[in-house]
Each structure stands twice: as structure tokens, then as C-alpha cells.
PDB file of N, CA and C in Angstrom:
ATOM      1  N   UNK A   1      78.407  39.958 -10.224  1.00  0.00           N
ATOM      2  CA  UNK A   1      79.052  40.008 -11.532  1.00  0.00           C
ATOM      3  C   UNK A   1      79.216  38.592 -12.074  1.00  0.00           C
ATOM      4  N   UNK A   2      78.876  38.418 -13.362  1.00  0.00           N
ATOM      5  CA  UNK A   2      79.032  37.111 -13.997  1.00  0.00           C
ATOM      6  C   UNK A   2      80.503  36.804 -14.207  1.00  0.00           C
ATOM      7  N   UNK A   3      80.824  35.522 -14.123  1.00  0.00           N
ATOM      8  CA  UNK A   3      82.197  35.173 -14.477  1.00  0.00           C
ATOM      9  C   UNK A   3      82.289  34.962 -15.984  1.00  0.00           C
ATOM     10  N   UNK A   4      83.498  34.967 -16.488  1.00  0.00           N
ATOM     11  CA  UNK A   4      83.725  34.889 -17.930  1.00  0.00           C
ATOM     12  C   UNK A   4      83.106  33.641 -18.534  1.00  0.00           C
ATOM     13  N   UNK A   5      83.214  32.515 -17.863  1.00  0.00           N
ATOM     14  CA  UNK A   5      82.668  31.262 -18.390  1.00  0.00           C
ATOM     15  C   UNK A   5      81.147  31.356 -18.534  1.00  0.00           C
ATOM     16  N   UNK A   6      80.487  31.942 -17.563  1.00  0.00           N
ATOM     17  CA  UNK A   6      79.030  32.090 -17.622  1.00  0.00           C
ATOM     18  C   UNK A   6      78.632  33.002 -18.775  1.00  0.00           C
ATOM     19  N   UNK A   7      79.381  34.070 -18.971  1.00  0.00           N
ATOM     20  CA  UNK A   7      79.100  34.982 -20.086  1.00  0.00           C
ATOM     21  C   UNK A   7      79.270  34.260 -21.411  1.00  0.00           C
ATOM     22  N   UNK A   8      80.353  33.495 -21.542  1.00  0.00           N
ATOM     23  CA  UNK A   8      80.598  32.751 -22.787  1.00  0.00           C
ATOM     24  C   UNK A   8      79.528  31.701 -23.044  1.00  0.00           C
ATOM     25  N   UNK A   9      79.052  31.056 -21.996  1.00  0.00           N
ATOM     26  CA  UNK A   9      77.977  30.070 -22.162  1.00  0.00           C
ATOM     27  C   UNK A   9      76.702  30.746 -22.662  1.00  0.00           C
ATOM     28  N   UNK A  10      76.429  31.934 -22.157  1.00  0.00           N
ATOM     29  CA  UNK A  10      75.249  32.674 -22.625  1.00  0.00           C
ATOM     30  C   UNK A  10      75.420  33.080 -24.088  1.00  0.00           C
ATOM     31  N   UNK A  11      76.619  33.520 -24.453  1.00  0.00           N
ATOM     32  CA  UNK A  11      76.896  33.858 -25.852  1.00  0.00           C
ATOM     33  C   UNK A  11      76.729  32.627 -26.740  1.00  0.00           C
ATOM     34  N   UNK A  12      77.232  31.474 -26.284  1.00  0.00           N
ATOM     35  CA  UNK A  12      77.083  30.229 -27.058  1.00  0.00           C
ATOM     36  C   UNK A  12      75.612  29.888 -27.273  1.00  0.00           C
ATOM     37  N   UNK A  13      74.793  30.090 -26.258  1.00  0.00           N
ATOM     38  CA  UNK A  13      73.354  29.817 -26.382  1.00  0.00           C
ATOM     39  C   UNK A  13      72.723  30.765 -27.399  1.00  0.00           C
ATOM     40  N   UNK A  14      73.108  32.018 -27.361  1.00  0.00           N
ATOM     41  CA  UNK A  14      72.587  32.982 -28.331  1.00  0.00           C
ATOM     42  C   UNK A  14      73.042  32.607 -29.736  1.00  0.00           C
ATOM     43  N   UNK A  15      74.299  32.177 -29.873  1.00  0.00           N
ATOM     44  CA  UNK A  15      74.804  31.772 -31.186  1.00  0.00           C
ATOM     45  C   UNK A  15      74.026  30.581 -31.744  1.00  0.00           C
ATOM     46  N   UNK A  16      73.627  29.650 -30.883  1.00  0.00           N
ATOM     47  CA  UNK A  16      72.800  28.522 -31.353  1.00  0.00           C
ATOM     48  C   UNK A  16      71.461  29.039 -31.882  1.00  0.00           C
ATOM     49  N   UNK A  17      70.857  29.971 -31.150  1.00  0.00           N
ATOM     50  CA  UNK A  17      69.589  30.557 -31.597  1.00  0.00           C
ATOM     51  C   UNK A  17      69.768  31.310 -32.911  1.00  0.00           C
ATOM     52  N   UNK A  18      70.845  32.089 -33.005  1.00  0.00           N
ATOM     53  CA  UNK A  18      71.109  32.829 -34.243  1.00  0.00           C
ATOM     54  C   UNK A  18      71.291  31.889 -35.426  1.00  0.00           C
ATOM     55  N   UNK A  19      71.976  30.776 -35.203  1.00  0.00           N
ATOM     56  CA  UNK A  19      72.173  29.803 -36.282  1.00  0.00           C
ATOM     57  C   UNK A  19      70.843  29.227 -36.738  1.00  0.00           C
ATOM     58  N   UNK A  20      69.989  28.872 -35.781  1.00  0.00           N
ATOM     59  CA  UNK A  20      68.666  28.350 -36.141  1.00  0.00           C
ATOM     60  C   UNK A  20      67.857  29.393 -36.904  1.00  0.00           C
ATOM     61  N   UNK A  21      67.914  30.649 -36.470  1.00  0.00           N
ATOM     62  CA  UNK A  21      67.204  31.715 -37.173  1.00  0.00           C
ATOM     63  C   UNK A  21      67.789  31.955 -38.559  1.00  0.00           C
ATOM     64  N   UNK A  22      69.115  31.864 -38.669  1.00  0.00           N
ATOM     65  CA  UNK A  22      69.767  32.018 -39.975  1.00  0.00           C
ATOM     66  C   UNK A  22      69.284  30.941 -40.945  1.00  0.00           C
ATOM     67  N   UNK A  23      69.217  29.708 -40.506  1.00  0.00           N
ATOM     68  CA  UNK A  23      68.755  28.615 -41.369  1.00  0.00           C
ATOM     69  C   UNK A  23      67.320  28.880 -41.807  1.00  0.00           C
ATOM     70  N   UNK A  24      66.452  29.276 -40.890  1.00  0.00           N
ATOM     71  CA  UNK A  24      65.061  29.590 -41.249  1.00  0.00           C
ATOM     72  C   UNK A  24      64.999  30.735 -42.243  1.00  0.00           C
ATOM     73  N   UNK A  25      65.818  31.773 -42.014  1.00  0.00           N
ATOM     74  CA  UNK A  25      65.822  32.929 -42.911  1.00  0.00           C
ATOM     75  C   UNK A  25      66.268  32.529 -44.306  1.00  0.00           C
ATOM     76  N   UNK A  26      67.301  31.703 -44.394  1.00  0.00           N
ATOM     77  CA  UNK A  26      67.801  31.289 -45.703  1.00  0.00           C
ATOM     78  C   UNK A  26      66.798  30.371 -46.408  1.00  0.00           C
ATOM     79  N   UNK A  27      66.052  29.576 -45.674  1.00  0.00           N
ATOM     80  CA  UNK A  27      64.994  28.771 -46.281  1.00  0.00           C
ATOM     81  C   UNK A  27      63.928  29.679 -46.902  1.00  0.00           C
ATOM     82  N   UNK A  28      63.587  30.740 -46.207  1.00  0.00           N
ATOM     83  CA  UNK A  28      62.632  31.708 -46.753  1.00  0.00           C
ATOM     84  C   UNK A  28      63.237  32.456 -47.932  1.00  0.00           C
ATOM     85  N   UNK A  29      64.522  32.752 -47.853  1.00  0.00           N
ATOM     86  CA  UNK A  29      65.213  33.409 -48.953  1.00  0.00           C
ATOM     87  C   UNK A  29      65.161  32.540 -50.210  1.00  0.00           C
ATOM     88  N   UNK A  30      65.243  31.239 -50.031  1.00  0.00           N
ATOM     89  CA  UNK A  30      65.135  30.320 -51.172  1.00  0.00           C
ATOM     90  C   UNK A  30      63.745  30.419 -51.803  1.00  0.00           C
ATOM     91  N   UNK A  31      62.724  30.569 -50.981  1.00  0.00           N
ATOM     92  CA  UNK A  31      61.371  30.729 -51.519  1.00  0.00           C
ATOM     93  C   UNK A  31      61.247  32.046 -52.286  1.00  0.00           C
ATOM     94  N   UNK A  32      61.865  33.097 -51.754  1.00  0.00           N
ATOM     95  CA  UNK A  32      61.874  34.383 -52.449  1.00  0.00           C
ATOM     96  C   UNK A  32      62.582  34.229 -53.794  1.00  0.00           C
ATOM     97  N   UNK A  33      63.687  33.488 -53.807  1.00  0.00           N
ATOM     98  CA  UNK A  33      64.421  33.258 -55.062  1.00  0.00           C
ATOM     99  C   UNK A  33      63.530  32.572 -56.083  1.00  0.00           C
ATOM    100  N   UNK A  34      62.750  31.600 -55.645  1.00  0.00           N
ATOM    101  CA  UNK A  34      61.824  30.925 -56.552  1.00  0.00           C
ATOM    102  C   UNK A  34      60.808  31.885 -57.141  1.00  0.00           C
ATOM    103  N   UNK A  35      60.270  32.762 -56.300  1.00  0.00           N
ATOM    104  CA  UNK A  35      59.321  33.765 -56.771  1.00  0.00           C
ATOM    105  C   UNK A  35      59.977  34.700 -57.775  1.00  0.00           C
ATOM    106  N   UNK A  36      61.185  35.162 -57.436  1.00  0.00           N
ATOM    107  CA  UNK A  36      61.892  36.084 -58.324  1.00  0.00           C
ATOM    108  C   UNK A  36      62.234  35.412 -59.653  1.00  0.00           C
ATOM    109  N   UNK A  37      62.590  34.146 -59.608  1.00  0.00           N
ATOM    110  CA  UNK A  37      62.880  33.413 -60.846  1.00  0.00           C
ATOM    111  C   UNK A  37      61.625  33.339 -61.717  1.00  0.00           C
ATOM    112  N   UNK A  38      60.491  33.019 -61.111  1.00  0.00           N
ATOM    113  CA  UNK A  38      59.239  32.879 -61.853  1.00  0.00           C
ATOM    114  C   UNK A  38      58.755  34.199 -62.437  1.00  0.00           C
ATOM    115  N   UNK A  39      58.991  35.284 -61.724  1.00  0.00           N
ATOM    116  CA  UNK A  39      58.472  36.583 -62.157  1.00  0.00           C
ATOM    117  C   UNK A  39      59.498  37.436 -62.888  1.00  0.00           C
ATOM    118  N   UNK A  40      60.748  36.978 -62.927  1.00  0.00           N
ATOM    119  CA  UNK A  40      61.788  37.734 -63.603  1.00  0.00           C
ATOM    120  C   UNK A  40      62.304  38.928 -62.815  1.00  0.00           C
ATOM    121  N   UNK A  41      62.018  38.967 -61.528  1.00  0.00           N
ATOM    122  CA  UNK A  41      62.497  40.070 -60.699  1.00  0.00           C
ATOM    123  C   UNK A  41      63.996  39.951 -60.485  1.00  0.00           C
ATOM    124  N   UNK A  42      64.633  41.099 -60.288  1.00  0.00           N
ATOM    125  CA  UNK A  42      66.051  41.133 -59.947  1.00  0.00           C
ATOM    126  C   UNK A  42      66.229  40.705 -58.487  1.00  0.00           C
ATOM    127  N   UNK A  43      67.381  40.130 -58.197  1.00  0.00           N
ATOM    128  CA  UNK A  43      67.675  39.715 -56.827  1.00  0.00           C
ATOM    129  C   UNK A  43      67.854  40.930 -55.929  1.00  0.00           C
ATOM    130  N   UNK A  44      68.553  41.951 -56.393  1.00  0.00           N
ATOM    131  CA  UNK A  44      68.902  43.100 -55.565  1.00  0.00           C
ATOM    132  C   UNK A  44      67.921  44.237 -55.764  1.00  0.00           C
ATOM    133  N   UNK A  45      67.332  44.691 -54.658  1.00  0.00           N
ATOM    134  CA  UNK A  45      66.436  45.847 -54.645  1.00  0.00           C
ATOM    135  C   UNK A  45      67.052  46.877 -53.693  1.00  0.00           C
ATOM    136  N   UNK A  46      67.915  47.764 -54.219  1.00  0.00           N
ATOM    137  CA  UNK A  46      68.658  48.670 -53.335  1.00  0.00           C
ATOM    138  C   UNK A  46      67.785  49.582 -52.484  1.00  0.00           C
ATOM    139  N   UNK A  47      66.683  50.057 -53.008  1.00  0.00           N
ATOM    140  CA  UNK A  47      65.820  50.962 -52.230  1.00  0.00           C
ATOM    141  C   UNK A  47      65.209  50.223 -51.038  1.00  0.00           C
ATOM    142  N   UNK A  48      64.733  49.008 -51.265  1.00  0.00           N
ATOM    143  CA  UNK A  48      64.151  48.220 -50.174  1.00  0.00           C
ATOM    144  C   UNK A  48      65.213  47.921 -49.122  1.00  0.00           C
ATOM    145  N   UNK A  49      66.396  47.518 -49.574  1.00  0.00           N
ATOM    146  CA  UNK A  49      67.457  47.181 -48.633  1.00  0.00           C
ATOM    147  C   UNK A  49      67.866  48.398 -47.799  1.00  0.00           C
ATOM    148  N   UNK A  50      67.990  49.555 -48.423  1.00  0.00           N
ATOM    149  CA  UNK A  50      68.374  50.769 -47.696  1.00  0.00           C
ATOM    150  C   UNK A  50      67.337  51.114 -46.627  1.00  0.00           C
ATOM    151  N   UNK A  51      66.071  50.983 -46.972  1.00  0.00           N
ATOM    152  CA  UNK A  51      65.004  51.286 -46.010  1.00  0.00           C
ATOM    153  C   UNK A  51      65.055  50.316 -44.826  1.00  0.00           C
ATOM    154  N   UNK A  52      65.305  49.051 -45.103  1.00  0.00           N
ATOM    155  CA  UNK A  52      65.391  48.055 -44.027  1.00  0.00           C
ATOM    156  C   UNK A  52      66.591  48.350 -43.131  1.00  0.00           C
ATOM    157  N   UNK A  53      67.726  48.670 -43.743  1.00  0.00           N
ATOM    158  CA  UNK A  53      68.927  48.966 -42.956  1.00  0.00           C
ATOM    159  C   UNK A  53      68.715  50.185 -42.057  1.00  0.00           C
ATOM    160  N   UNK A  54      68.039  51.189 -42.562  1.00  0.00           N
ATOM    161  CA  UNK A  54      67.734  52.373 -41.746  1.00  0.00           C
ATOM    162  C   UNK A  54      66.853  51.989 -40.560  1.00  0.00           C
ATOM    163  N   UNK A  55      65.848  51.184 -40.823  1.00  0.00           N
ATOM    164  CA  UNK A  55      64.923  50.760 -39.767  1.00  0.00           C
ATOM    165  C   UNK A  55      65.661  49.937 -38.703  1.00  0.00           C
ATOM    166  N   UNK A  56      66.553  49.050 -39.140  1.00  0.00           N
ATOM    167  CA  UNK A  56      67.314  48.212 -38.213  1.00  0.00           C
ATOM    168  C   UNK A  56      68.245  49.063 -37.355  1.00  0.00           C
ATOM    169  N   UNK A  57      68.950  49.987 -37.982  1.00  0.00           N
ATOM    170  CA  UNK A  57      69.870  50.859 -37.238  1.00  0.00           C
ATOM    171  C   UNK A  57      69.109  51.676 -36.199  1.00  0.00           C
ATOM    172  N   UNK A  58      67.948  52.164 -36.577  1.00  0.00           N
ATOM    173  CA  UNK A  58      67.141  52.947 -35.636  1.00  0.00           C
ATOM    174  C   UNK A  58      66.666  52.077 -34.479  1.00  0.00           C
ATOM    175  N   UNK A  59      66.228  50.870 -34.780  1.00  0.00           N
ATOM    176  CA  UNK A  59      65.752  49.962 -33.727  1.00  0.00           C
ATOM    177  C   UNK A  59      66.874  49.615 -32.753  1.00  0.00           C
ATOM    178  N   UNK A  60      68.079  49.370 -33.272  1.00  0.00           N
ATOM    179  CA  UNK A  60      69.210  49.015 -32.403  1.00  0.00           C
ATOM    180  C   UNK A  60      69.634  50.197 -31.542  1.00  0.00           C
ATOM    181  N   UNK A  61      69.448  51.408 -32.049  1.00  0.00           N
ATOM    182  CA  UNK A  61      69.792  52.595 -31.287  1.00  0.00           C
ATOM    183  C   UNK A  61      71.288  52.780 -31.115  1.00  0.00           C
ATOM    184  N   UNK A  62      71.613  53.822 -30.383  1.00  0.00           N
ATOM    185  CA  UNK A  62      73.011  54.114 -30.095  1.00  0.00           C
ATOM    186  C   UNK A  62      73.445  53.311 -28.880  1.00  0.00           C
ATOM    187  N   UNK A  63      74.629  52.835 -28.841  1.00  0.00           N
ATOM    188  CA  UNK A  63      75.714  52.990 -29.801  1.00  0.00           C
ATOM    189  C   UNK A  63      75.795  51.856 -30.824  1.00  0.00           C
ATOM    190  N   UNK A  64      74.774  50.983 -30.891  1.00  0.00           N
ATOM    191  CA  UNK A  64      74.889  49.767 -31.703  1.00  0.00           C
ATOM    192  C   UNK A  64      74.266  49.860 -33.085  1.00  0.00           C
ATOM    193  N   UNK A  65      73.616  50.965 -33.402  1.00  0.00           N
ATOM    194  CA  UNK A  65      72.921  51.089 -34.682  1.00  0.00           C
ATOM    195  C   UNK A  65      73.802  50.827 -35.888  1.00  0.00           C
ATOM    196  N   UNK A  66      74.971  51.430 -35.907  1.00  0.00           N
ATOM    197  CA  UNK A  66      75.865  51.246 -37.057  1.00  0.00           C
ATOM    198  C   UNK A  66      76.386  49.815 -37.128  1.00  0.00           C
ATOM    199  N   UNK A  67      76.611  49.183 -35.986  1.00  0.00           N
ATOM    200  CA  UNK A  67      77.052  47.789 -35.981  1.00  0.00           C
ATOM    201  C   UNK A  67      75.944  46.866 -36.469  1.00  0.00           C
ATOM    202  N   UNK A  68      74.714  47.174 -36.080  1.00  0.00           N
ATOM    203  CA  UNK A  68      73.576  46.392 -36.561  1.00  0.00           C
ATOM    204  C   UNK A  68      73.447  46.531 -38.073  1.00  0.00           C
ATOM    205  N   UNK A  69      73.649  47.749 -38.575  1.00  0.00           N
ATOM    206  CA  UNK A  69      73.605  47.990 -40.015  1.00  0.00           C
ATOM    207  C   UNK A  69      74.660  47.123 -40.716  1.00  0.00           C
ATOM    208  N   UNK A  70      75.867  47.074 -40.207  1.00  0.00           N
ATOM    209  CA  UNK A  70      76.933  46.271 -40.802  1.00  0.00           C
ATOM    210  C   UNK A  70      76.597  44.788 -40.761  1.00  0.00           C
ATOM    211  N   UNK A  71      76.059  44.332 -39.635  1.00  0.00           N
ATOM    212  CA  UNK A  71      75.667  42.935 -39.482  1.00  0.00           C
ATOM    213  C   UNK A  71      74.644  42.546 -40.554  1.00  0.00           C
ATOM    214  N   UNK A  72      73.627  43.381 -40.714  1.00  0.00           N
ATOM    215  CA  UNK A  72      72.584  43.078 -41.685  1.00  0.00           C
ATOM    216  C   UNK A  72      73.049  43.251 -43.124  1.00  0.00           C
ATOM    217  N   UNK A  73      73.946  44.186 -43.377  1.00  0.00           N
ATOM    218  CA  UNK A  73      74.493  44.308 -44.732  1.00  0.00           C
ATOM    219  C   UNK A  73      75.169  43.003 -45.130  1.00  0.00           C
ATOM    220  N   UNK A  74      75.912  42.428 -44.207  1.00  0.00           N
ATOM    221  CA  UNK A  74      76.567  41.145 -44.483  1.00  0.00           C
ATOM    222  C   UNK A  74      75.528  40.050 -44.683  1.00  0.00           C
ATOM    223  N   UNK A  75      74.519  40.022 -43.847  1.00  0.00           N
ATOM    224  CA  UNK A  75      73.457  39.029 -43.986  1.00  0.00           C
ATOM    225  C   UNK A  75      72.759  39.168 -45.336  1.00  0.00           C
ATOM    226  N   UNK A  76      72.491  40.385 -45.755  1.00  0.00           N
ATOM    227  CA  UNK A  76      71.846  40.613 -47.050  1.00  0.00           C
ATOM    228  C   UNK A  76      72.747  40.164 -48.193  1.00  0.00           C
ATOM    229  N   UNK A  77      74.045  40.408 -48.084  1.00  0.00           N
ATOM    230  CA  UNK A  77      74.978  39.966 -49.126  1.00  0.00           C
ATOM    231  C   UNK A  77      74.968  38.446 -49.255  1.00  0.00           C
ATOM    232  N   UNK A  78      74.960  37.757 -48.132  1.00  0.00           N
ATOM    233  CA  UNK A  78      74.916  36.293 -48.139  1.00  0.00           C
ATOM    234  C   UNK A  78      73.601  35.817 -48.748  1.00  0.00           C
ATOM    235  N   UNK A  79      72.516  36.437 -48.361  1.00  0.00           N
ATOM    236  CA  UNK A  79      71.205  36.069 -48.883  1.00  0.00           C
ATOM    237  C   UNK A  79      71.120  36.294 -50.391  1.00  0.00           C
ATOM    238  N   UNK A  80      71.646  37.433 -50.856  1.00  0.00           N
ATOM    239  CA  UNK A  80      71.643  37.700 -52.304  1.00  0.00           C
ATOM    240  C   UNK A  80      72.492  36.679 -53.058  1.00  0.00           C
ATOM    241  N   UNK A  81      73.633  36.332 -52.497  1.00  0.00           N
ATOM    242  CA  UNK A  81      74.498  35.337 -53.139  1.00  0.00           C
ATOM    243  C   UNK A  81      73.777  33.997 -53.240  1.00  0.00           C
ATOM    244  N   UNK A  82      73.082  33.613 -52.199  1.00  0.00           N
ATOM    245  CA  UNK A  82      72.335  32.354 -52.195  1.00  0.00           C
ATOM    246  C   UNK A  82      71.201  32.401 -53.222  1.00  0.00           C
ATOM    247  N   UNK A  83      70.466  33.503 -53.241  1.00  0.00           N
ATOM    248  CA  UNK A  83      69.388  33.633 -54.215  1.00  0.00           C
ATOM    249  C   UNK A  83      69.941  33.585 -55.641  1.00  0.00           C
ATOM    250  N   UNK A  84      71.036  34.279 -55.867  1.00  0.00           N
ATOM    251  CA  UNK A  84      71.642  34.294 -57.205  1.00  0.00           C
ATOM    252  C   UNK A  84      72.052  32.902 -57.620  1.00  0.00           C
ATOM    253  N   UNK A  85      72.641  32.151 -56.678  1.00  0.00           N
ATOM    254  CA  UNK A  85      73.014  30.770 -56.966  1.00  0.00           C
ATOM    255  C   UNK A  85      71.784  29.918 -57.314  1.00  0.00           C
ATOM    256  N   UNK A  86      70.728  30.079 -56.540  1.00  0.00           N
ATOM    257  CA  UNK A  86      69.514  29.272 -56.778  1.00  0.00           C
ATOM    258  C   UNK A  86      68.856  29.636 -58.108  1.00  0.00           C
ATOM    259  N   UNK A  87      68.856  30.919 -58.451  1.00  0.00           N
ATOM    260  CA  UNK A  87      68.234  31.368 -59.688  1.00  0.00           C
ATOM    261  C   UNK A  87      69.094  31.001 -60.885  1.00  0.00           C
ATOM    262  N   UNK A  88      70.400  30.959 -60.655  1.00  0.00           N
ATOM    263  CA  UNK A  88      71.304  30.671 -61.766  1.00  0.00           C
ATOM    264  C   UNK A  88      71.697  31.918 -62.515  1.00  0.00           C
ATOM    265  N   UNK A  89      71.478  33.082 -61.868  1.00  0.00           N
ATOM    266  CA  UNK A  89      71.851  34.381 -62.443  1.00  0.00           C
ATOM    267  C   UNK A  89      73.357  34.525 -62.440  1.00  0.00           C
ATOM    268  N   UNK A  90      73.888  35.032 -63.505  1.00  0.00           N
ATOM    269  CA  UNK A  90      75.334  35.279 -63.565  1.00  0.00           C
ATOM    270  C   UNK A  90      75.596  36.751 -63.487  1.00  0.00           C
TER     271      UNK A  90
END
């Protein structure tokens, strides 16, 4: 059995990876914002987002599917806010 400190160190390592992935994702989100600005597309595409959330929940499986859905909903909200800021949409 792992001790608590070892578990926390592993969580910290995962958090570093998640942060790096978050930065990469937001950099790509900025590129998407540029495309949407140039083409006049709306930032929010509810049908696409719903389909992605369903796919993520299914991939995570039980019992974590709903938690994965919540995690990604928050990530999508942050991404939309960033895109909106970059586009200058009010």
C-alpha cells in the first residue's frame, strides 16, 4: 500500500502534466478564436459541445463519467471565455 506522501507526490506530478496540457490546449483555443474571428463564427457551438461531453463521459465510464463531464464543462467554459476575450465579443 502506498503511503499518503507517495500518493500526493504522484498527484502533484499529474497536476504538472495537466497544467502543461492546459496551456497547450489554450494556445490552440487561441488559434480557433482567430479562425472564428476571421470567419464570423460564433464562439459557442452547443451541439458540438454536447456531443464531445457525451463521448468523454462514455470514455471515462462508471463511476467517473459524470465527473469527467463536469470537468470538461468547466474547461469548455474557460476556453469560451478566453476565445470571447481574444475575439472581443461582448
